[in-house]
Amino acid sequence: MSTPAPAAEDQPFDPKAFPKDLIASQLKLAELYAALNALQAKLPWCRDAHAGWPAEPERWYRPGRPETDGWEASAAETYDGLWKALRKAAAAVQGHDHWSRCKQH
């Protein structure tokens, strides 16, 4: 006969032993962030149509921007959807029970 393994709650708490669902949530958050960053790199600098402004060489913080027609409706919808999913994923990671258990121990 073998001795049964101790239950998970009988084990000492290890703050570095992240639960699998937390790791999956963190991976999803990183993937969403990468997708949003890639989309932002492709989009024009301004969401709405804008005339832009010329560069001002004596002001190092104002390099100038070209004129833009803004984003297409489909790009704006994709961007908004990614932001919504990113906020939801971030809330899942930050609000995970593991963090409250870390505070308790």
PDB file of N, CA and C in Angstrom:
ATOM      1  N   MET A   1       0.827  -1.188   0.000  1.00  0.00           N
ATOM      2  CA  MET A   1       0.000   0.000   0.000  1.00  0.00           C
ATOM      3  C   MET A   1       0.860   1.235   0.000  1.00  0.00           C
ATOM      4  N   SER A   2       0.451   2.201  -0.761  1.00  0.00           N
ATOM      5  CA  SER A   2       1.207   3.445  -0.802  1.00  0.00           C
ATOM      6  C   SER A   2       0.446   4.524  -0.047  1.00  0.00           C
ATOM      7  N   THR A   3       1.192   5.471   0.435  1.00  0.00           N
ATOM      8  CA  THR A   3       0.596   6.598   1.150  1.00  0.00           C
ATOM      9  C   THR A   3       0.041   7.577   0.121  1.00  0.00           C
ATOM     10  N   PRO A   4      -1.201   8.019   0.328  1.00  0.00           N
ATOM     11  CA  PRO A   4      -1.757   8.974  -0.638  1.00  0.00           C
ATOM     12  C   PRO A   4      -0.992  10.294  -0.594  1.00  0.00           C
ATOM     13  N   ALA A   5      -0.927  10.931  -1.736  1.00  0.00           N
ATOM     14  CA  ALA A   5      -0.257  12.229  -1.820  1.00  0.00           C
ATOM     15  C   ALA A   5      -1.042  13.256  -1.020  1.00  0.00           C
ATOM     16  N   PRO A   6      -0.352  14.153  -0.353  1.00  0.00           N
ATOM     17  CA  PRO A   6      -1.071  15.166   0.422  1.00  0.00           C
ATOM     18  C   PRO A   6      -1.895  16.062  -0.505  1.00  0.00           C
ATOM     19  N   ALA A   7      -3.008  16.519  -0.004  1.00  0.00           N
ATOM     20  CA  ALA A   7      -3.883  17.402  -0.778  1.00  0.00           C
ATOM     21  C   ALA A   7      -3.169  18.729  -1.028  1.00  0.00           C
ATOM     22  N   ALA A   8      -3.606  19.422  -2.076  1.00  0.00           N
ATOM     23  CA  ALA A   8      -2.965  20.691  -2.453  1.00  0.00           C
ATOM     24  C   ALA A   8      -3.017  21.705  -1.319  1.00  0.00           C
ATOM     25  N   GLU A   9      -4.102  21.720  -0.569  1.00  0.00           N
ATOM     26  CA  GLU A   9      -4.199  22.696   0.512  1.00  0.00           C
ATOM     27  C   GLU A   9      -3.307  22.348   1.694  1.00  0.00           C
ATOM     28  N   ASP A  10      -2.803  21.080   1.758  1.00  0.00           N
ATOM     29  CA  ASP A  10      -1.877  20.686   2.815  1.00  0.00           C
ATOM     30  C   ASP A  10      -0.440  21.086   2.498  1.00  0.00           C
ATOM     31  N   GLN A  11      -0.175  21.398   1.237  1.00  0.00           N
ATOM     32  CA  GLN A  11       1.165  21.787   0.816  1.00  0.00           C
ATOM     33  C   GLN A  11       1.430  23.233   1.235  1.00  0.00           C
ATOM     34  N   PRO A  12       2.683  23.567   1.553  1.00  0.00           N
ATOM     35  CA  PRO A  12       2.996  24.975   1.836  1.00  0.00           C
ATOM     36  C   PRO A  12       2.821  25.797   0.558  1.00  0.00           C
ATOM     37  N   PHE A  13       2.398  27.024   0.719  1.00  0.00           N
ATOM     38  CA  PHE A  13       2.139  27.880  -0.442  1.00  0.00           C
ATOM     39  C   PHE A  13       3.448  28.315  -1.073  1.00  0.00           C
ATOM     40  N   ASP A  14       3.539  28.147  -2.375  1.00  0.00           N
ATOM     41  CA  ASP A  14       4.710  28.584  -3.141  1.00  0.00           C
ATOM     42  C   ASP A  14       4.258  29.697  -4.083  1.00  0.00           C
ATOM     43  N   PRO A  15       4.657  30.943  -3.829  1.00  0.00           N
ATOM     44  CA  PRO A  15       4.193  32.049  -4.674  1.00  0.00           C
ATOM     45  C   PRO A  15       4.705  31.975  -6.109  1.00  0.00           C
ATOM     46  N   LYS A  16       5.754  31.187  -6.339  1.00  0.00           N
ATOM     47  CA  LYS A  16       6.293  31.059  -7.690  1.00  0.00           C
ATOM     48  C   LYS A  16       5.657  29.921  -8.476  1.00  0.00           C
ATOM     49  N   ALA A  17       4.824  29.136  -7.833  1.00  0.00           N
ATOM     50  CA  ALA A  17       4.113  28.045  -8.511  1.00  0.00           C
ATOM     51  C   ALA A  17       2.800  28.603  -9.055  1.00  0.00           C
ATOM     52  N   PHE A  18       2.886  29.216 -10.225  1.00  0.00           N
ATOM     53  CA  PHE A  18       1.717  29.863 -10.808  1.00  0.00           C
ATOM     54  C   PHE A  18       0.723  28.812 -11.311  1.00  0.00           C
ATOM     55  N   PRO A  19      -0.559  29.020 -11.066  1.00  0.00           N
ATOM     56  CA  PRO A  19      -1.571  28.096 -11.579  1.00  0.00           C
ATOM     57  C   PRO A  19      -1.600  28.127 -13.107  1.00  0.00           C
ATOM     58  N   LYS A  20      -1.988  27.000 -13.690  1.00  0.00           N
ATOM     59  CA  LYS A  20      -2.006  26.894 -15.152  1.00  0.00           C
ATOM     60  C   LYS A  20      -2.961  27.897 -15.792  1.00  0.00           C
ATOM     61  N   ASP A  21      -4.096  28.168 -15.157  1.00  0.00           N
ATOM     62  CA  ASP A  21      -5.031  29.126 -15.748  1.00  0.00           C
ATOM     63  C   ASP A  21      -4.481  30.547 -15.715  1.00  0.00           C
ATOM     64  N   LEU A  22      -3.679  30.874 -14.710  1.00  0.00           N
ATOM     65  CA  LEU A  22      -3.047  32.193 -14.660  1.00  0.00           C
ATOM     66  C   LEU A  22      -1.987  32.315 -15.749  1.00  0.00           C
ATOM     67  N   ILE A  23      -1.215  31.279 -15.953  1.00  0.00           N
ATOM     68  CA  ILE A  23      -0.207  31.289 -17.009  1.00  0.00           C
ATOM     69  C   ILE A  23      -0.876  31.426 -18.373  1.00  0.00           C
ATOM     70  N   ALA A  24      -1.978  30.725 -18.580  1.00  0.00           N
ATOM     71  CA  ALA A  24      -2.715  30.823 -19.843  1.00  0.00           C
ATOM     72  C   ALA A  24      -3.267  32.232 -20.041  1.00  0.00           C
ATOM     73  N   SER A  25      -3.756  32.834 -18.965  1.00  0.00           N
ATOM     74  CA  SER A  25      -4.274  34.203 -19.055  1.00  0.00           C
ATOM     75  C   SER A  25      -3.158  35.191 -19.374  1.00  0.00           C
ATOM     76  N   GLN A  26      -1.989  34.998 -18.770  1.00  0.00           N
ATOM     77  CA  GLN A  26      -0.857  35.881 -19.036  1.00  0.00           C
ATOM     78  C   GLN A  26      -0.377  35.728 -20.483  1.00  0.00           C
ATOM     79  N   LEU A  27      -0.396  34.508 -21.007  1.00  0.00           N
ATOM     80  CA  LEU A  27      -0.011  34.280 -22.392  1.00  0.00           C
ATOM     81  C   LEU A  27      -0.997  34.955 -23.340  1.00  0.00           C
ATOM     82  N   LYS A  28      -2.286  34.819 -23.041  1.00  0.00           N
ATOM     83  CA  LYS A  28      -3.304  35.470 -23.866  1.00  0.00           C
ATOM     84  C   LYS A  28      -3.127  36.987 -23.840  1.00  0.00           C
ATOM     85  N   LEU A  29      -2.839  37.543 -22.679  1.00  0.00           N
ATOM     86  CA  LEU A  29      -2.608  38.983 -22.546  1.00  0.00           C
ATOM     87  C   LEU A  29      -1.411  39.423 -23.394  1.00  0.00           C
ATOM     88  N   ALA A  30      -0.338  38.658 -23.351  1.00  0.00           N
ATOM     89  CA  ALA A  30       0.848  38.997 -24.144  1.00  0.00           C
ATOM     90  C   ALA A  30       0.555  38.916 -25.642  1.00  0.00           C
ATOM     91  N   GLU A  31      -0.211  37.918 -26.056  1.00  0.00           N
ATOM     92  CA  GLU A  31      -0.564  37.783 -27.470  1.00  0.00           C
ATOM     93  C   GLU A  31      -1.456  38.927 -27.934  1.00  0.00           C
ATOM     94  N   LEU A  32      -2.398  39.325 -27.102  1.00  0.00           N
ATOM     95  CA  LEU A  32      -3.266  40.453 -27.447  1.00  0.00           C
ATOM     96  C   LEU A  32      -2.469  41.754 -27.530  1.00  0.00           C
ATOM     97  N   TYR A  33      -1.545  41.941 -26.617  1.00  0.00           N
ATOM     98  CA  TYR A  33      -0.710  43.135 -26.638  1.00  0.00           C
ATOM     99  C   TYR A  33       0.132  43.179 -27.909  1.00  0.00           C
ATOM    100  N   ALA A  34       0.693  42.024 -28.296  1.00  0.00           N
ATOM    101  CA  ALA A  34       1.497  41.960 -29.523  1.00  0.00           C
ATOM    102  C   ALA A  34       0.638  42.251 -30.755  1.00  0.00           C
ATOM    103  N   ALA A  35      -0.572  41.709 -30.784  1.00  0.00           N
ATOM    104  CA  ALA A  35      -1.471  41.950 -31.916  1.00  0.00           C
ATOM    105  C   ALA A  35      -1.852  43.430 -31.991  1.00  0.00           C
ATOM    106  N   LEU A  36      -2.134  44.036 -30.855  1.00  0.00           N
ATOM    107  CA  LEU A  36      -2.480  45.452 -30.829  1.00  0.00           C
ATOM    108  C   LEU A  36      -1.292  46.307 -31.271  1.00  0.00           C
ATOM    109  N   ASN A  37      -0.112  45.969 -30.798  1.00  0.00           N
ATOM    110  CA  ASN A  37       1.084  46.715 -31.169  1.00  0.00           C
ATOM    111  C   ASN A  37       1.351  46.602 -32.672  1.00  0.00           C
ATOM    112  N   ALA A  38       1.168  45.417 -33.245  1.00  0.00           N
ATOM    113  CA  ALA A  38       1.370  45.226 -34.681  1.00  0.00           C
ATOM    114  C   ALA A  38       0.348  46.034 -35.484  1.00  0.00           C
ATOM    115  N   LEU A  39      -0.893  46.055 -35.018  1.00  0.00           N
ATOM    116  CA  LEU A  39      -1.922  46.830 -35.702  1.00  0.00           C
ATOM    117  C   LEU A  39      -1.618  48.322 -35.635  1.00  0.00           C
ATOM    118  N   GLN A  40      -1.193  48.799 -34.472  1.00  0.00           N
ATOM    119  CA  GLN A  40      -0.870  50.216 -34.311  1.00  0.00           C
ATOM    120  C   GLN A  40       0.263  50.638 -35.241  1.00  0.00           C
ATOM    121  N   ALA A  41       1.206  49.750 -35.488  1.00  0.00           N
ATOM    122  CA  ALA A  41       2.331  50.077 -36.362  1.00  0.00           C
ATOM    123  C   ALA A  41       1.876  50.290 -37.807  1.00  0.00           C
ATOM    124  N   LYS A  42       0.772  49.671 -38.183  1.00  0.00           N
ATOM    125  CA  LYS A  42       0.268  49.772 -39.554  1.00  0.00           C
ATOM    126  C   LYS A  42      -0.693  50.943 -39.750  1.00  0.00           C
ATOM    127  N   LEU A  43      -1.273  51.431 -38.672  1.00  0.00           N
ATOM    128  CA  LEU A  43      -2.291  52.473 -38.776  1.00  0.00           C
ATOM    129  C   LEU A  43      -1.680  53.863 -38.916  1.00  0.00           C
ATOM    130  N   PRO A  44      -2.407  54.794 -39.533  1.00  0.00           N
ATOM    131  CA  PRO A  44      -1.945  56.185 -39.555  1.00  0.00           C
ATOM    132  C   PRO A  44      -1.835  56.738 -38.134  1.00  0.00           C
ATOM    133  N   TRP A  45      -1.080  57.805 -38.001  1.00  0.00           N
ATOM    134  CA  TRP A  45      -0.797  58.351 -36.677  1.00  0.00           C
ATOM    135  C   TRP A  45      -2.022  58.909 -35.972  1.00  0.00           C
ATOM    136  N   CYS A  46      -3.073  59.286 -36.715  1.00  0.00           N
ATOM    137  CA  CYS A  46      -4.269  59.871 -36.108  1.00  0.00           C
ATOM    138  C   CYS A  46      -5.500  59.070 -36.515  1.00  0.00           C
ATOM    139  N   ARG A  47      -6.366  58.814 -35.578  1.00  0.00           N
ATOM    140  CA  ARG A  47      -7.583  58.050 -35.852  1.00  0.00           C
ATOM    141  C   ARG A  47      -8.522  58.809 -36.789  1.00  0.00           C
ATOM    142  N   ASP A  48      -8.624  60.111 -36.607  1.00  0.00           N
ATOM    143  CA  ASP A  48      -9.496  60.951 -37.431  1.00  0.00           C
ATOM    144  C   ASP A  48      -8.655  61.691 -38.465  1.00  0.00           C
ATOM    145  N   ALA A  49      -9.324  62.177 -39.500  1.00  0.00           N
ATOM    146  CA  ALA A  49      -8.625  62.960 -40.517  1.00  0.00           C
ATOM    147  C   ALA A  49      -7.994  64.188 -39.857  1.00  0.00           C
ATOM    148  N   HIS A  50      -6.758  64.483 -40.242  1.00  0.00           N
ATOM    149  CA  HIS A  50      -6.036  65.585 -39.614  1.00  0.00           C
ATOM    150  C   HIS A  50      -5.100  66.200 -40.644  1.00  0.00           C
ATOM    151  N   ALA A  51      -4.983  67.522 -40.611  1.00  0.00           N
ATOM    152  CA  ALA A  51      -4.132  68.241 -41.564  1.00  0.00           C
ATOM    153  C   ALA A  51      -2.648  68.095 -41.260  1.00  0.00           C
ATOM    154  N   GLY A  52      -2.304  67.654 -40.066  1.00  0.00           N
ATOM    155  CA  GLY A  52      -0.903  67.537 -39.697  1.00  0.00           C
ATOM    156  C   GLY A  52      -0.298  68.894 -39.383  1.00  0.00           C
ATOM    157  N   TRP A  53       1.036  68.943 -39.205  1.00  0.00           N
ATOM    158  CA  TRP A  53       1.723  70.199 -38.948  1.00  0.00           C
ATOM    159  C   TRP A  53       3.179  70.051 -39.376  1.00  0.00           C
ATOM    160  N   PRO A  54       3.809  71.153 -39.703  1.00  0.00           N
ATOM    161  CA  PRO A  54       5.204  71.091 -40.156  1.00  0.00           C
ATOM    162  C   PRO A  54       6.160  70.872 -38.985  1.00  0.00           C
ATOM    163  N   ALA A  55       7.318  70.367 -39.321  1.00  0.00           N
ATOM    164  CA  ALA A  55       8.356  70.193 -38.304  1.00  0.00           C
ATOM    165  C   ALA A  55       8.881  71.557 -37.881  1.00  0.00           C
ATOM    166  N   GLU A  56       9.211  71.655 -36.612  1.00  0.00           N
ATOM    167  CA  GLU A  56       9.783  72.890 -36.083  1.00  0.00           C
ATOM    168  C   GLU A  56      11.170  72.558 -35.541  1.00  0.00           C
ATOM    169  N   PRO A  57      12.213  72.836 -36.326  1.00  0.00           N
ATOM    170  CA  PRO A  57      13.559  72.390 -35.945  1.00  0.00           C
ATOM    171  C   PRO A  57      14.062  72.963 -34.626  1.00  0.00           C
ATOM    172  N   GLU A  58      13.618  74.142 -34.231  1.00  0.00           N
ATOM    173  CA  GLU A  58      14.109  74.699 -32.967  1.00  0.00           C
ATOM    174  C   GLU A  58      13.399  74.095 -31.758  1.00  0.00           C
ATOM    175  N   ARG A  59      12.367  73.303 -32.001  1.00  0.00           N
ATOM    176  CA  ARG A  59      11.662  72.637 -30.897  1.00  0.00           C
ATOM    177  C   ARG A  59      11.854  71.138 -31.054  1.00  0.00           C
ATOM    178  N   TRP A  60      12.726  70.564 -30.289  1.00  0.00           N
ATOM    179  CA  TRP A  60      13.081  69.153 -30.423  1.00  0.00           C
ATOM    180  C   TRP A  60      11.912  68.220 -30.156  1.00  0.00           C
ATOM    181  N   TYR A  61      10.916  68.651 -29.428  1.00  0.00           N
ATOM    182  CA  TYR A  61       9.794  67.785 -29.068  1.00  0.00           C
ATOM    183  C   TYR A  61       8.660  67.835 -30.075  1.00  0.00           C
ATOM    184  N   ARG A  62       8.772  68.613 -31.113  1.00  0.00           N
ATOM    185  CA  ARG A  62       7.680  68.735 -32.081  1.00  0.00           C
ATOM    186  C   ARG A  62       8.205  68.425 -33.489  1.00  0.00           C
ATOM    187  N   PRO A  63       8.300  67.135 -33.851  1.00  0.00           N
ATOM    188  CA  PRO A  63       8.919  66.778 -35.122  1.00  0.00           C
ATOM    189  C   PRO A  63       8.030  66.994 -36.339  1.00  0.00           C
ATOM    190  N   GLY A  64       6.769  67.229 -36.179  1.00  0.00           N
ATOM    191  CA  GLY A  64       5.864  67.402 -37.306  1.00  0.00           C
ATOM    192  C   GLY A  64       5.161  66.094 -37.656  1.00  0.00           C
ATOM    193  N   ARG A  65       4.019  66.221 -38.286  1.00  0.00           N
ATOM    194  CA  ARG A  65       3.238  65.055 -38.703  1.00  0.00           C
ATOM    195  C   ARG A  65       2.654  65.314 -40.083  1.00  0.00           C
ATOM    196  N   PRO A  66       2.602  64.277 -40.909  1.00  0.00           N
ATOM    197  CA  PRO A  66       2.014  64.460 -42.237  1.00  0.00           C
ATOM    198  C   PRO A  66       0.487  64.477 -42.167  1.00  0.00           C
ATOM    199  N   GLU A  67      -0.127  64.940 -43.225  1.00  0.00           N
ATOM    200  CA  GLU A  67      -1.584  64.921 -43.314  1.00  0.00           C
ATOM    201  C   GLU A  67      -2.055  63.465 -43.368  1.00  0.00           C
ATOM    202  N   THR A  68      -3.206  63.193 -42.759  1.00  0.00           N
ATOM    203  CA  THR A  68      -3.751  61.836 -42.768  1.00  0.00           C
ATOM    204  C   THR A  68      -5.259  61.871 -42.983  1.00  0.00           C
ATOM    205  N   ASP A  69      -5.747  60.825 -43.622  1.00  0.00           N
ATOM    206  CA  ASP A  69      -7.194  60.675 -43.816  1.00  0.00           C
ATOM    207  C   ASP A  69      -7.836  59.953 -42.637  1.00  0.00           C
ATOM    208  N   GLY A  70      -7.027  59.503 -41.684  1.00  0.00           N
ATOM    209  CA  GLY A  70      -7.548  58.774 -40.524  1.00  0.00           C
ATOM    210  C   GLY A  70      -7.640  57.287 -40.801  1.00  0.00           C
ATOM    211  N   TRP A  71      -8.290  56.592 -39.899  1.00  0.00           N
ATOM    212  CA  TRP A  71      -8.407  55.143 -39.998  1.00  0.00           C
ATOM    213  C   TRP A  71      -9.661  54.767 -40.760  1.00  0.00           C
ATOM    214  N   GLU A  72      -9.606  53.617 -41.401  1.00  0.00           N
ATOM    215  CA  GLU A  72     -10.812  53.055 -42.010  1.00  0.00           C
ATOM    216  C   GLU A  72     -11.691  52.517 -40.885  1.00  0.00           C
ATOM    217  N   ALA A  73     -12.976  52.403 -41.168  1.00  0.00           N
ATOM    218  CA  ALA A  73     -13.917  51.939 -40.136  1.00  0.00           C
ATOM    219  C   ALA A  73     -13.576  50.536 -39.659  1.00  0.00           C
ATOM    220  N   SER A  74     -13.174  49.657 -40.553  1.00  0.00           N
ATOM    221  CA  SER A  74     -12.845  48.282 -40.162  1.00  0.00           C
ATOM    222  C   SER A  74     -11.609  48.242 -39.261  1.00  0.00           C
ATOM    223  N   ALA A  75     -10.615  49.102 -39.546  1.00  0.00           N
ATOM    224  CA  ALA A  75      -9.413  49.162 -38.710  1.00  0.00           C
ATOM    225  C   ALA A  75      -9.752  49.684 -37.318  1.00  0.00           C
ATOM    226  N   ALA A  76     -10.617  50.690 -37.255  1.00  0.00           N
ATOM    227  CA  ALA A  76     -11.024  51.237 -35.957  1.00  0.00           C
ATOM    228  C   ALA A  76     -11.797  50.194 -35.154  1.00  0.00           C
ATOM    229  N   GLU A  77     -12.630  49.421 -35.831  1.00  0.00           N
ATOM    230  CA  GLU A  77     -13.404  48.377 -35.145  1.00  0.00           C
ATOM    231  C   GLU A  77     -12.469  47.280 -34.619  1.00  0.00           C
ATOM    232  N   THR A  78     -11.496  46.894 -35.420  1.00  0.00           N
ATOM    233  CA  THR A  78     -10.520  45.890 -34.990  1.00  0.00           C
ATOM    234  C   THR A  78      -9.719  46.400 -33.799  1.00  0.00           C
ATOM    235  N   TYR A  79      -9.280  47.648 -33.876  1.00  0.00           N
ATOM    236  CA  TYR A  79      -8.512  48.267 -32.790  1.00  0.00           C
ATOM    237  C   TYR A  79      -9.334  48.290 -31.496  1.00  0.00           C
ATOM    238  N   ASP A  80     -10.570  48.743 -31.594  1.00  0.00           N
ATOM    239  CA  ASP A  80     -11.435  48.806 -30.408  1.00  0.00           C
ATOM    240  C   ASP A  80     -11.682  47.421 -29.825  1.00  0.00           C
ATOM    241  N   GLY A  81     -11.872  46.426 -30.696  1.00  0.00           N
ATOM    242  CA  GLY A  81     -12.072  45.053 -30.227  1.00  0.00           C
ATOM    243  C   GLY A  81     -10.853  44.503 -29.516  1.00  0.00           C
ATOM    244  N   LEU A  82      -9.670  44.785 -30.068  1.00  0.00           N
ATOM    245  CA  LEU A  82      -8.437  44.336 -29.416  1.00  0.00           C
ATOM    246  C   LEU A  82      -8.254  45.015 -28.060  1.00  0.00           C
ATOM    247  N   TRP A  83      -8.548  46.315 -27.982  1.00  0.00           N
ATOM    248  CA  TRP A  83      -8.424  47.027 -26.705  1.00  0.00           C
ATOM    249  C   TRP A  83      -9.381  46.445 -25.664  1.00  0.00           C
ATOM    250  N   LYS A  84     -10.601  46.147 -26.094  1.00  0.00           N
ATOM    251  CA  LYS A  84     -11.579  45.579 -25.166  1.00  0.00           C
ATOM    252  C   LYS A  84     -11.111  44.213 -24.664  1.00  0.00           C
ATOM    253  N   ALA A  85     -10.625  43.378 -25.579  1.00  0.00           N
ATOM    254  CA  ALA A  85     -10.132  42.058 -25.183  1.00  0.00           C
ATOM    255  C   ALA A  85      -8.894  42.174 -24.301  1.00  0.00           C
ATOM    256  N   LEU A  86      -8.039  43.154 -24.588  1.00  0.00           N
ATOM    257  CA  LEU A  86      -6.834  43.366 -23.787  1.00  0.00           C
ATOM    258  C   LEU A  86      -7.187  43.783 -22.365  1.00  0.00           C
ATOM    259  N   ARG A  87      -8.146  44.687 -22.220  1.00  0.00           N
ATOM    260  CA  ARG A  87      -8.571  45.103 -20.874  1.00  0.00           C
ATOM    261  C   ARG A  87      -9.180  43.936 -20.098  1.00  0.00           C
ATOM    262  N   LYS A  88      -9.958  43.117 -20.784  1.00  0.00           N
ATOM    263  CA  LYS A  88     -10.582  41.961 -20.131  1.00  0.00           C
ATOM    264  C   LYS A  88      -9.510  40.956 -19.686  1.00  0.00           C
ATOM    265  N   ALA A  89      -8.527  40.707 -20.555  1.00  0.00           N
ATOM    266  CA  ALA A  89      -7.449  39.776 -20.212  1.00  0.00           C
ATOM    267  C   ALA A  89      -6.596  40.316 -19.071  1.00  0.00           C
ATOM    268  N   ALA A  90      -6.330  41.620 -19.078  1.00  0.00           N
ATOM    269  CA  ALA A  90      -5.548  42.226 -17.998  1.00  0.00           C
ATOM    270  C   ALA A  90      -6.292  42.121 -16.667  1.00  0.00           C
ATOM    271  N   ALA A  91      -7.602  42.309 -16.698  1.00  0.00           N
ATOM    272  CA  ALA A  91      -8.395  42.185 -15.476  1.00  0.00           C
ATOM    273  C   ALA A  91      -8.371  40.744 -14.964  1.00  0.00           C
ATOM    274  N   ALA A  92      -8.376  39.779 -15.888  1.00  0.00           N
ATOM    275  CA  ALA A  92      -8.327  38.369 -15.479  1.00  0.00           C
ATOM    276  C   ALA A  92      -6.995  38.041 -14.807  1.00  0.00           C
ATOM    277  N   VAL A  93      -5.903  38.594 -15.331  1.00  0.00           N
ATOM    278  CA  VAL A  93      -4.587  38.341 -14.746  1.00  0.00           C
ATOM    279  C   VAL A  93      -4.464  39.060 -13.403  1.00  0.00           C
ATOM    280  N   GLN A  94      -4.816  40.342 -13.374  1.00  0.00           N
ATOM    281  CA  GLN A  94      -4.636  41.123 -12.148  1.00  0.00           C
ATOM    282  C   GLN A  94      -5.588  40.710 -11.039  1.00  0.00           C
ATOM    283  N   GLY A  95      -6.756  40.226 -11.403  1.00  0.00           N
ATOM    284  CA  GLY A  95      -7.736  39.849 -10.397  1.00  0.00           C
ATOM    285  C   GLY A  95      -7.720  38.372 -10.041  1.00  0.00           C
ATOM    286  N   HIS A  96      -6.709  37.647 -10.495  1.00  0.00           N
ATOM    287  CA  HIS A  96      -6.638  36.204 -10.234  1.00  0.00           C
ATOM    288  C   HIS A  96      -6.469  35.933  -8.742  1.00  0.00           C
ATOM    289  N   ASP A  97      -7.034  34.860  -8.289  1.00  0.00           N
ATOM    290  CA  ASP A  97      -7.003  34.480  -6.873  1.00  0.00           C
ATOM    291  C   ASP A  97      -5.578  34.236  -6.374  1.00  0.00           C
ATOM    292  N   HIS A  98      -4.679  33.877  -7.254  1.00  0.00           N
ATOM    293  CA  HIS A  98      -3.294  33.607  -6.844  1.00  0.00           C
ATOM    294  C   HIS A  98      -2.678  34.809  -6.140  1.00  0.00           C
ATOM    295  N   TRP A  99      -2.973  36.012  -6.616  1.00  0.00           N
ATOM    296  CA  TRP A  99      -2.375  37.208  -6.024  1.00  0.00           C
ATOM    297  C   TRP A  99      -2.887  37.456  -4.607  1.00  0.00           C
ATOM    298  N   SER A 100      -4.151  37.178  -4.353  1.00  0.00           N
ATOM    299  CA  SER A 100      -4.662  37.349  -2.984  1.00  0.00           C
ATOM    300  C   SER A 100      -4.067  36.288  -2.056  1.00  0.00           C
ATOM    301  N   ARG A 101      -3.798  35.107  -2.591  1.00  0.00           N
ATOM    302  CA  ARG A 101      -3.145  34.075  -1.783  1.00  0.00           C
ATOM    303  C   ARG A 101      -1.718  34.489  -1.456  1.00  0.00           C
ATOM    304  N   CYS A 102      -1.061  35.186  -2.376  1.00  0.00           N
ATOM    305  CA  CYS A 102       0.310  35.674  -2.111  1.00  0.00           C
ATOM    306  C   CYS A 102       0.291  36.656  -0.932  1.00  0.00           C
ATOM    307  N   LYS A 103      -0.720  37.521  -0.899  1.00  0.00           N
ATOM    308  CA  LYS A 103      -0.838  38.484   0.198  1.00  0.00           C
ATOM    309  C   LYS A 103      -1.060  37.778   1.535  1.00  0.00           C
ATOM    310  N   GLN A 104      -1.819  36.688   1.515  1.00  0.00           N
ATOM    311  CA  GLN A 104      -2.147  35.964   2.744  1.00  0.00           C
ATOM    312  C   GLN A 104      -0.926  35.271   3.332  1.00  0.00           C
ATOM    313  N   HIS A 105      -0.006  34.863   2.479  1.00  0.00           N
ATOM    314  CA  HIS A 105       1.144  34.109   2.960  1.00  0.00           C
ATOM    315  C   HIS A 105       2.300  35.042   2.991  1.00  0.00           C
TER     316      HIS A 105
END
